[in-house]
Amino acid sequence: MSQSLPNPNTLLPLELVDKCIGSRIHIIMKNDKEMVGTLQGFDDFVNMLLDDVTEYESTPEGRKITKLDQILLNGNNIAMLVPGGEMPGESYEGH
C-alpha cells in the first residue's frame, strides 16, 4: 500500500498568515467592519498587529473610513483574511 506525499504547495492556515507578515492584508471582521493594513505579527489565537491601517465601517449613512497608525485586533472577532487584499476601488499609497 503506497502512501502519497503531501503537496508542498499546501500550507496550513497559520503558515499562510505567517507568510503574510510585512505584507498588506484585508481583514473582514464579524461586525460591520473591515480592515486593510500591513501585518506586523500575530499569535496562536490569531490576534493581529497591523500598521498603516484603514478601517471601513458600514453605517446607515454609508461607508465610514478611519485611518489608524497601528491596531491590535482580537482574533475572536476576525471572520476572514485576504492576503495581499485591498478594498475594491482603493489603492495603498505607502509611507
PDB file of N, CA and C in Angstrom:
ATOM      1  N   MET A   1       0.855  -1.180   0.000  1.00  0.00           N
ATOM      2  CA  MET A   1       0.000   0.000   0.000  1.00  0.00           C
ATOM      3  C   MET A   1       0.894   1.234   0.000  1.00  0.00           C
ATOM      4  N   SER A   2       0.764   2.046  -1.025  1.00  0.00           N
ATOM      5  CA  SER A   2       1.610   3.233  -1.106  1.00  0.00           C
ATOM      6  C   SER A   2       0.914   4.421  -0.447  1.00  0.00           C
ATOM      7  N   GLN A   3       1.747   5.280   0.094  1.00  0.00           N
ATOM      8  CA  GLN A   3       1.225   6.457   0.772  1.00  0.00           C
ATOM      9  C   GLN A   3       1.637   7.681  -0.039  1.00  0.00           C
ATOM     10  N   SER A   4       0.683   8.547  -0.358  1.00  0.00           N
ATOM     11  CA  SER A   4       1.016   9.719  -1.159  1.00  0.00           C
ATOM     12  C   SER A   4       1.675  10.782  -0.281  1.00  0.00           C
ATOM     13  N   LEU A   5       2.613  11.496  -0.872  1.00  0.00           N
ATOM     14  CA  LEU A   5       3.300  12.561  -0.160  1.00  0.00           C
ATOM     15  C   LEU A   5       2.431  13.806  -0.139  1.00  0.00           C
ATOM     16  N   PRO A   6       2.529  14.613   0.928  1.00  0.00           N
ATOM     17  CA  PRO A   6       1.740  15.847   0.963  1.00  0.00           C
ATOM     18  C   PRO A   6       2.230  16.823  -0.104  1.00  0.00           C
ATOM     19  N   ASN A   7       1.323  17.585  -0.620  1.00  0.00           N
ATOM     20  CA  ASN A   7       1.638  18.587  -1.634  1.00  0.00           C
ATOM     21  C   ASN A   7       2.441  19.712  -0.978  1.00  0.00           C
ATOM     22  N   PRO A   8       3.666  19.992  -1.449  1.00  0.00           N
ATOM     23  CA  PRO A   8       4.469  21.049  -0.816  1.00  0.00           C
ATOM     24  C   PRO A   8       3.864  22.438  -0.986  1.00  0.00           C
ATOM     25  N   ASN A   9       2.931  22.595  -1.926  1.00  0.00           N
ATOM     26  CA  ASN A   9       2.277  23.889  -2.121  1.00  0.00           C
ATOM     27  C   ASN A   9       1.110  24.102  -1.166  1.00  0.00           C
ATOM     28  N   THR A  10       0.765  23.083  -0.381  1.00  0.00           N
ATOM     29  CA  THR A  10      -0.331  23.197   0.571  1.00  0.00           C
ATOM     30  C   THR A  10       0.204  23.757   1.883  1.00  0.00           C
ATOM     31  N   LEU A  11      -0.411  24.840   2.353  1.00  0.00           N
ATOM     32  CA  LEU A  11       0.003  25.467   3.598  1.00  0.00           C
ATOM     33  C   LEU A  11      -1.100  25.343   4.633  1.00  0.00           C
ATOM     34  N   LEU A  12      -0.705  25.185   5.880  1.00  0.00           N
ATOM     35  CA  LEU A  12      -1.666  25.256   6.968  1.00  0.00           C
ATOM     36  C   LEU A  12      -2.056  26.721   7.150  1.00  0.00           C
ATOM     37  N   PRO A  13      -3.235  26.985   7.703  1.00  0.00           N
ATOM     38  CA  PRO A  13      -3.690  28.377   7.823  1.00  0.00           C
ATOM     39  C   PRO A  13      -2.690  29.307   8.512  1.00  0.00           C
ATOM     40  N   LEU A  14      -2.125  28.896   9.642  1.00  0.00           N
ATOM     41  CA  LEU A  14      -1.189  29.776  10.338  1.00  0.00           C
ATOM     42  C   LEU A  14       0.104  29.962   9.556  1.00  0.00           C
ATOM     43  N   GLU A  15       0.481  28.965   8.746  1.00  0.00           N
ATOM     44  CA  GLU A  15       1.665  29.115   7.894  1.00  0.00           C
ATOM     45  C   GLU A  15       1.416  30.182   6.839  1.00  0.00           C
ATOM     46  N   LEU A  16       0.213  30.207   6.291  1.00  0.00           N
ATOM     47  CA  LEU A  16      -0.136  31.219   5.294  1.00  0.00           C
ATOM     48  C   LEU A  16      -0.115  32.608   5.922  1.00  0.00           C
ATOM     49  N   VAL A  17      -0.700  32.739   7.115  1.00  0.00           N
ATOM     50  CA  VAL A  17      -0.701  34.033   7.800  1.00  0.00           C
ATOM     51  C   VAL A  17       0.739  34.464   8.085  1.00  0.00           C
ATOM     52  N   ASP A  18       1.588  33.524   8.501  1.00  0.00           N
ATOM     53  CA  ASP A  18       2.990  33.831   8.785  1.00  0.00           C
ATOM     54  C   ASP A  18       3.697  34.374   7.542  1.00  0.00           C
ATOM     55  N   LYS A  19       3.378  33.828   6.385  1.00  0.00           N
ATOM     56  CA  LYS A  19       3.984  34.293   5.132  1.00  0.00           C
ATOM     57  C   LYS A  19       3.511  35.702   4.756  1.00  0.00           C
ATOM     58  N   CYS A  20       2.430  36.166   5.380  1.00  0.00           N
ATOM     59  CA  CYS A  20       1.889  37.496   5.081  1.00  0.00           C
ATOM     60  C   CYS A  20       2.513  38.601   5.939  1.00  0.00           C
ATOM     61  N   ILE A  21       3.342  38.249   6.912  1.00  0.00           N
ATOM     62  CA  ILE A  21       3.962  39.271   7.760  1.00  0.00           C
ATOM     63  C   ILE A  21       4.773  40.221   6.882  1.00  0.00           C
ATOM     64  N   GLY A  22       4.550  41.507   7.078  1.00  0.00           N
ATOM     65  CA  GLY A  22       5.210  42.534   6.281  1.00  0.00           C
ATOM     66  C   GLY A  22       4.446  42.906   5.024  1.00  0.00           C
ATOM     67  N   SER A  23       3.351  42.206   4.750  1.00  0.00           N
ATOM     68  CA  SER A  23       2.546  42.454   3.548  1.00  0.00           C
ATOM     69  C   SER A  23       1.206  43.076   3.921  1.00  0.00           C
ATOM     70  N   ARG A  24       0.542  43.639   2.924  1.00  0.00           N
ATOM     71  CA  ARG A  24      -0.803  44.177   3.112  1.00  0.00           C
ATOM     72  C   ARG A  24      -1.783  43.013   3.213  1.00  0.00           C
ATOM     73  N   ILE A  25      -2.773  43.179   4.087  1.00  0.00           N
ATOM     74  CA  ILE A  25      -3.773  42.134   4.295  1.00  0.00           C
ATOM     75  C   ILE A  25      -5.131  42.799   4.511  1.00  0.00           C
ATOM     76  N   HIS A  26      -6.170  42.202   3.960  1.00  0.00           N
ATOM     77  CA  HIS A  26      -7.553  42.681   4.095  1.00  0.00           C
ATOM     78  C   HIS A  26      -8.229  41.750   5.092  1.00  0.00           C
ATOM     79  N   ILE A  27      -8.770  42.320   6.160  1.00  0.00           N
ATOM     80  CA  ILE A  27      -9.401  41.529   7.216  1.00  0.00           C
ATOM     81  C   ILE A  27     -10.871  41.905   7.309  1.00  0.00           C
ATOM     82  N   ILE A  28     -11.727  40.910   7.214  1.00  0.00           N
ATOM     83  CA  ILE A  28     -13.167  41.110   7.364  1.00  0.00           C
ATOM     84  C   ILE A  28     -13.538  40.653   8.768  1.00  0.00           C
ATOM     85  N   MET A  29     -14.104  41.570   9.534  1.00  0.00           N
ATOM     86  CA  MET A  29     -14.455  41.297  10.922  1.00  0.00           C
ATOM     87  C   MET A  29     -15.873  40.718  11.005  1.00  0.00           C
ATOM     88  N   LYS A  30     -16.214  40.160  12.161  1.00  0.00           N
ATOM     89  CA  LYS A  30     -17.549  39.591  12.368  1.00  0.00           C
ATOM     90  C   LYS A  30     -18.619  40.674  12.492  1.00  0.00           C
ATOM     91  N   ASN A  31     -18.208  41.902  12.859  1.00  0.00           N
ATOM     92  CA  ASN A  31     -19.178  43.003  12.899  1.00  0.00           C
ATOM     93  C   ASN A  31     -19.185  43.667  11.522  1.00  0.00           C
ATOM     94  N   ASP A  32     -19.623  44.886  11.421  1.00  0.00           N
ATOM     95  CA  ASP A  32     -19.726  45.553  10.114  1.00  0.00           C
ATOM     96  C   ASP A  32     -18.452  46.307   9.750  1.00  0.00           C
ATOM     97  N   LYS A  33     -17.296  45.795  10.167  1.00  0.00           N
ATOM     98  CA  LYS A  33     -16.034  46.479   9.893  1.00  0.00           C
ATOM     99  C   LYS A  33     -15.110  45.610   9.053  1.00  0.00           C
ATOM    100  N   GLU A  34     -14.286  46.296   8.275  1.00  0.00           N
ATOM    101  CA  GLU A  34     -13.217  45.642   7.529  1.00  0.00           C
ATOM    102  C   GLU A  34     -11.964  46.472   7.738  1.00  0.00           C
ATOM    103  N   MET A  35     -10.818  45.821   7.764  1.00  0.00           N
ATOM    104  CA  MET A  35      -9.536  46.485   7.972  1.00  0.00           C
ATOM    105  C   MET A  35      -8.592  46.114   6.841  1.00  0.00           C
ATOM    106  N   VAL A  36      -7.814  47.087   6.410  1.00  0.00           N
ATOM    107  CA  VAL A  36      -6.728  46.824   5.475  1.00  0.00           C
ATOM    108  C   VAL A  36      -5.487  47.445   6.090  1.00  0.00           C
ATOM    109  N   GLY A  37      -4.434  46.641   6.246  1.00  0.00           N
ATOM    110  CA  GLY A  37      -3.214  47.155   6.841  1.00  0.00           C
ATOM    111  C   GLY A  37      -2.044  46.236   6.565  1.00  0.00           C
ATOM    112  N   THR A  38      -0.886  46.632   7.076  1.00  0.00           N
ATOM    113  CA  THR A  38       0.330  45.838   6.935  1.00  0.00           C
ATOM    114  C   THR A  38       0.476  44.967   8.173  1.00  0.00           C
ATOM    115  N   LEU A  39       0.488  43.661   7.978  1.00  0.00           N
ATOM    116  CA  LEU A  39       0.582  42.715   9.087  1.00  0.00           C
ATOM    117  C   LEU A  39       1.986  42.748   9.674  1.00  0.00           C
ATOM    118  N   GLN A  40       2.084  43.059  10.975  1.00  0.00           N
ATOM    119  CA  GLN A  40       3.373  43.089  11.668  1.00  0.00           C
ATOM    120  C   GLN A  40       3.615  41.824  12.478  1.00  0.00           C
ATOM    121  N   GLY A  41       2.531  41.186  12.936  1.00  0.00           N
ATOM    122  CA  GLY A  41       2.680  39.961  13.708  1.00  0.00           C
ATOM    123  C   GLY A  41       1.342  39.425  14.156  1.00  0.00           C
ATOM    124  N   PHE A  42       1.374  38.192  14.681  1.00  0.00           N
ATOM    125  CA  PHE A  42       0.166  37.542  15.186  1.00  0.00           C
ATOM    126  C   PHE A  42       0.594  36.469  16.180  1.00  0.00           C
ATOM    127  N   ASP A  43      -0.377  35.966  16.949  1.00  0.00           N
ATOM    128  CA  ASP A  43      -0.082  34.891  17.896  1.00  0.00           C
ATOM    129  C   ASP A  43      -0.924  33.660  17.561  1.00  0.00           C
ATOM    130  N   ASP A  44      -0.863  32.646  18.430  1.00  0.00           N
ATOM    131  CA  ASP A  44      -1.583  31.394  18.182  1.00  0.00           C
ATOM    132  C   ASP A  44      -3.100  31.572  18.170  1.00  0.00           C
ATOM    133  N   PHE A  45      -3.597  32.669  18.743  1.00  0.00           N
ATOM    134  CA  PHE A  45      -5.036  32.942  18.765  1.00  0.00           C
ATOM    135  C   PHE A  45      -5.438  33.843  17.598  1.00  0.00           C
ATOM    136  N   VAL A  46      -4.513  34.116  16.694  1.00  0.00           N
ATOM    137  CA  VAL A  46      -4.681  34.976  15.525  1.00  0.00           C
ATOM    138  C   VAL A  46      -5.053  36.411  15.929  1.00  0.00           C
ATOM    139  N   ASN A  47      -4.634  36.826  17.143  1.00  0.00           N
ATOM    140  CA  ASN A  47      -4.653  38.245  17.466  1.00  0.00           C
ATOM    141  C   ASN A  47      -3.609  38.864  16.546  1.00  0.00           C
ATOM    142  N   MET A  48      -3.922  39.999  15.925  1.00  0.00           N
ATOM    143  CA  MET A  48      -3.037  40.557  14.901  1.00  0.00           C
ATOM    144  C   MET A  48      -2.662  41.992  15.192  1.00  0.00           C
ATOM    145  N   LEU A  49      -1.400  42.314  14.914  1.00  0.00           N
ATOM    146  CA  LEU A  49      -0.903  43.679  14.997  1.00  0.00           C
ATOM    147  C   LEU A  49      -0.717  44.187  13.574  1.00  0.00           C
ATOM    148  N   LEU A  50      -1.411  45.297  13.254  1.00  0.00           N
ATOM    149  CA  LEU A  50      -1.353  45.888  11.916  1.00  0.00           C
ATOM    150  C   LEU A  50      -0.854  47.323  11.997  1.00  0.00           C
ATOM    151  N   ASP A  51      -0.082  47.738  10.991  1.00  0.00           N
ATOM    152  CA  ASP A  51       0.359  49.124  10.835  1.00  0.00           C
ATOM    153  C   ASP A  51      -0.306  49.723   9.605  1.00  0.00           C
ATOM    154  N   ASP A  52      -0.322  51.068   9.533  1.00  0.00           N
ATOM    155  CA  ASP A  52      -0.878  51.793   8.378  1.00  0.00           C
ATOM    156  C   ASP A  52      -2.254  51.241   8.006  1.00  0.00           C
ATOM    157  N   VAL A  53      -3.175  51.323   8.953  1.00  0.00           N
ATOM    158  CA  VAL A  53      -4.480  50.674   8.840  1.00  0.00           C
ATOM    159  C   VAL A  53      -5.546  51.641   8.327  1.00  0.00           C
ATOM    160  N   THR A  54      -6.393  51.129   7.454  1.00  0.00           N
ATOM    161  CA  THR A  54      -7.620  51.824   7.065  1.00  0.00           C
ATOM    162  C   THR A  54      -8.777  50.945   7.513  1.00  0.00           C
ATOM    163  N   GLU A  55      -9.655  51.527   8.334  1.00  0.00           N
ATOM    164  CA  GLU A  55     -10.825  50.811   8.846  1.00  0.00           C
ATOM    165  C   GLU A  55     -12.046  51.273   8.060  1.00  0.00           C
ATOM    166  N   TYR A  56     -12.806  50.320   7.568  1.00  0.00           N
ATOM    167  CA  TYR A  56     -14.033  50.604   6.817  1.00  0.00           C
ATOM    168  C   TYR A  56     -15.201  50.078   7.637  1.00  0.00           C
ATOM    169  N   GLU A  57     -16.169  50.953   7.914  1.00  0.00           N
ATOM    170  CA  GLU A  57     -17.332  50.551   8.701  1.00  0.00           C
ATOM    171  C   GLU A  57     -18.598  50.883   7.929  1.00  0.00           C
ATOM    172  N   SER A  58     -19.480  49.899   7.797  1.00  0.00           N
ATOM    173  CA  SER A  58     -20.770  50.117   7.134  1.00  0.00           C
ATOM    174  C   SER A  58     -21.736  50.718   8.142  1.00  0.00           C
ATOM    175  N   THR A  59     -22.274  51.884   7.809  1.00  0.00           N
ATOM    176  CA  THR A  59     -23.248  52.548   8.673  1.00  0.00           C
ATOM    177  C   THR A  59     -24.492  52.854   7.847  1.00  0.00           C
ATOM    178  N   PRO A  60     -25.610  53.171   8.494  1.00  0.00           N
ATOM    179  CA  PRO A  60     -26.817  53.533   7.735  1.00  0.00           C
ATOM    180  C   PRO A  60     -26.587  54.737   6.814  1.00  0.00           C
ATOM    181  N   GLU A  61     -25.627  55.605   7.176  1.00  0.00           N
ATOM    182  CA  GLU A  61     -25.335  56.790   6.366  1.00  0.00           C
ATOM    183  C   GLU A  61     -24.380  56.483   5.214  1.00  0.00           C
ATOM    184  N   GLY A  62     -23.793  55.305   5.215  1.00  0.00           N
ATOM    185  CA  GLY A  62     -22.821  54.943   4.180  1.00  0.00           C
ATOM    186  C   GLY A  62     -21.563  54.363   4.797  1.00  0.00           C
ATOM    187  N   ARG A  63     -20.505  54.345   4.019  1.00  0.00           N
ATOM    188  CA  ARG A  63     -19.251  53.755   4.483  1.00  0.00           C
ATOM    189  C   ARG A  63     -18.406  54.802   5.214  1.00  0.00           C
ATOM    190  N   LYS A  64     -18.039  54.500   6.452  1.00  0.00           N
ATOM    191  CA  LYS A  64     -17.192  55.380   7.253  1.00  0.00           C
ATOM    192  C   LYS A  64     -15.763  54.852   7.164  1.00  0.00           C
ATOM    193  N   ILE A  65     -14.808  55.737   6.855  1.00  0.00           N
ATOM    194  CA  ILE A  65     -13.409  55.343   6.706  1.00  0.00           C
ATOM    195  C   ILE A  65     -12.588  56.040   7.782  1.00  0.00           C
ATOM    196  N   THR A  66     -11.790  55.255   8.511  1.00  0.00           N
ATOM    197  CA  THR A  66     -10.923  55.779   9.561  1.00  0.00           C
ATOM    198  C   THR A  66      -9.505  55.307   9.303  1.00  0.00           C
ATOM    199  N   LYS A  67      -8.547  56.223   9.374  1.00  0.00           N
ATOM    200  CA  LYS A  67      -7.130  55.878   9.215  1.00  0.00           C
ATOM    201  C   LYS A  67      -6.504  55.747  10.599  1.00  0.00           C
ATOM    202  N   LEU A  68      -5.724  54.685  10.797  1.00  0.00           N
ATOM    203  CA  LEU A  68      -5.057  54.431  12.072  1.00  0.00           C
ATOM    204  C   LEU A  68      -3.593  54.095  11.819  1.00  0.00           C
ATOM    205  N   ASP A  69      -2.708  54.570  12.703  1.00  0.00           N
ATOM    206  CA  ASP A  69      -1.288  54.230  12.566  1.00  0.00           C
ATOM    207  C   ASP A  69      -1.045  52.762  12.883  1.00  0.00           C
ATOM    208  N   GLN A  70      -1.724  52.272  13.943  1.00  0.00           N
ATOM    209  CA  GLN A  70      -1.499  50.891  14.382  1.00  0.00           C
ATOM    210  C   GLN A  70      -2.741  50.396  15.118  1.00  0.00           C
ATOM    211  N   ILE A  71      -2.984  49.082  15.036  1.00  0.00           N
ATOM    212  CA  ILE A  71      -4.124  48.491  15.742  1.00  0.00           C
ATOM    213  C   ILE A  71      -3.791  47.053  16.122  1.00  0.00           C
ATOM    214  N   LEU A  72      -4.320  46.629  17.266  1.00  0.00           N
ATOM    215  CA  LEU A  72      -4.228  45.238  17.706  1.00  0.00           C
ATOM    216  C   LEU A  72      -5.628  44.654  17.617  1.00  0.00           C
ATOM    217  N   LEU A  73      -5.813  43.656  16.752  1.00  0.00           N
ATOM    218  CA  LEU A  73      -7.126  43.038  16.552  1.00  0.00           C
ATOM    219  C   LEU A  73      -7.240  41.761  17.367  1.00  0.00           C
ATOM    220  N   ASN A  74      -8.392  41.569  17.997  1.00  0.00           N
ATOM    221  CA  ASN A  74      -8.685  40.337  18.718  1.00  0.00           C
ATOM    222  C   ASN A  74      -9.072  39.269  17.699  1.00  0.00           C
ATOM    223  N   GLY A  75      -8.358  38.156  17.700  1.00  0.00           N
ATOM    224  CA  GLY A  75      -8.603  37.086  16.742  1.00  0.00           C
ATOM    225  C   GLY A  75     -10.010  36.517  16.786  1.00  0.00           C
ATOM    226  N   ASN A  76     -10.689  36.619  17.938  1.00  0.00           N
ATOM    227  CA  ASN A  76     -12.062  36.106  18.045  1.00  0.00           C
ATOM    228  C   ASN A  76     -13.037  36.874  17.163  1.00  0.00           C
ATOM    229  N   ASN A  77     -12.678  38.100  16.787  1.00  0.00           N
ATOM    230  CA  ASN A  77     -13.584  38.941  16.005  1.00  0.00           C
ATOM    231  C   ASN A  77     -13.309  38.897  14.511  1.00  0.00           C
ATOM    232  N   ILE A  78     -12.325  38.105  14.091  1.00  0.00           N
ATOM    233  CA  ILE A  78     -11.962  38.031  12.677  1.00  0.00           C
ATOM    234  C   ILE A  78     -12.766  36.933  11.990  1.00  0.00           C
ATOM    235  N   ALA A  79     -13.428  37.292  10.880  1.00  0.00           N
ATOM    236  CA  ALA A  79     -14.208  36.316  10.115  1.00  0.00           C
ATOM    237  C   ALA A  79     -13.408  35.755   8.944  1.00  0.00           C
ATOM    238  N   MET A  80     -12.623  36.628   8.259  1.00  0.00           N
ATOM    239  CA  MET A  80     -11.910  36.175   7.066  1.00  0.00           C
ATOM    240  C   MET A  80     -10.688  37.051   6.824  1.00  0.00           C
ATOM    241  N   LEU A  81      -9.631  36.437   6.294  1.00  0.00           N
ATOM    242  CA  LEU A  81      -8.398  37.136   5.932  1.00  0.00           C
ATOM    243  C   LEU A  81      -8.180  37.004   4.435  1.00  0.00           C
ATOM    244  N   VAL A  82      -7.775  38.100   3.796  1.00  0.00           N
ATOM    245  CA  VAL A  82      -7.458  38.076   2.369  1.00  0.00           C
ATOM    246  C   VAL A  82      -6.020  38.573   2.213  1.00  0.00           C
ATOM    247  N   PRO A  83      -5.061  37.657   2.042  1.00  0.00           N
ATOM    248  CA  PRO A  83      -3.665  38.090   1.882  1.00  0.00           C
ATOM    249  C   PRO A  83      -3.500  38.977   0.653  1.00  0.00           C
ATOM    250  N   GLY A  84      -2.747  40.060   0.828  1.00  0.00           N
ATOM    251  CA  GLY A  84      -2.493  40.972  -0.284  1.00  0.00           C
ATOM    252  C   GLY A  84      -3.702  41.767  -0.705  1.00  0.00           C
ATOM    253  N   GLY A  85      -4.780  41.680   0.066  1.00  0.00           N
ATOM    254  CA  GLY A  85      -6.033  42.306  -0.338  1.00  0.00           C
ATOM    255  C   GLY A  85      -6.102  43.783  -0.058  1.00  0.00           C
ATOM    256  N   GLU A  86      -6.823  44.484  -0.885  1.00  0.00           N
ATOM    257  CA  GLU A  86      -7.180  45.891  -0.697  1.00  0.00           C
ATOM    258  C   GLU A  86      -8.687  45.986  -0.904  1.00  0.00           C
ATOM    259  N   MET A  87      -9.279  47.026  -0.363  1.00  0.00           N
ATOM    260  CA  MET A  87     -10.705  47.244  -0.599  1.00  0.00           C
ATOM    261  C   MET A  87     -10.902  47.588  -2.069  1.00  0.00           C
ATOM    262  N   PRO A  88     -11.982  47.126  -2.688  1.00  0.00           N
ATOM    263  CA  PRO A  88     -12.243  47.489  -4.084  1.00  0.00           C
ATOM    264  C   PRO A  88     -12.308  49.007  -4.239  1.00  0.00           C
ATOM    265  N   GLY A  89     -11.652  49.519  -5.274  1.00  0.00           N
ATOM    266  CA  GLY A  89     -11.663  50.954  -5.524  1.00  0.00           C
ATOM    267  C   GLY A  89     -10.670  51.736  -4.700  1.00  0.00           C
ATOM    268  N   GLU A  90      -9.895  51.064  -3.864  1.00  0.00           N
ATOM    269  CA  GLU A  90      -8.907  51.738  -3.023  1.00  0.00           C
ATOM    270  C   GLU A  90      -7.518  51.294  -3.446  1.00  0.00           C
ATOM    271  N   SER A  91      -6.550  52.168  -3.316  1.00  0.00           N
ATOM    272  CA  SER A  91      -5.167  51.779  -3.573  1.00  0.00           C
ATOM    273  C   SER A  91      -4.314  52.241  -2.407  1.00  0.00           C
ATOM    274  N   TYR A  92      -3.293  51.479  -2.098  1.00  0.00           N
ATOM    275  CA  TYR A  92      -2.424  51.785  -0.972  1.00  0.00           C
ATOM    276  C   TYR A  92      -1.303  52.694  -1.428  1.00  0.00           C
ATOM    277  N   GLU A  93      -1.142  53.803  -0.739  1.00  0.00           N
ATOM    278  CA  GLU A  93      -0.032  54.709  -1.012  1.00  0.00           C
ATOM    279  C   GLU A  93       0.837  54.690   0.227  1.00  0.00           C
ATOM    280  N   GLY A  94       1.822  53.795   0.244  1.00  0.00           N
ATOM    281  CA  GLY A  94       2.662  53.583   1.420  1.00  0.00           C
ATOM    282  C   GLY A  94       3.431  54.814   1.842  1.00  0.00           C
ATOM    283  N   HIS A  95       3.849  54.809   3.105  1.00  0.00           N
ATOM    284  CA  HIS A  95       4.583  55.944   3.678  1.00  0.00           C
ATOM    285  C   HIS A  95       6.057  55.744   3.484  1.00  0.00           C
TER     286      HIS A  95
END
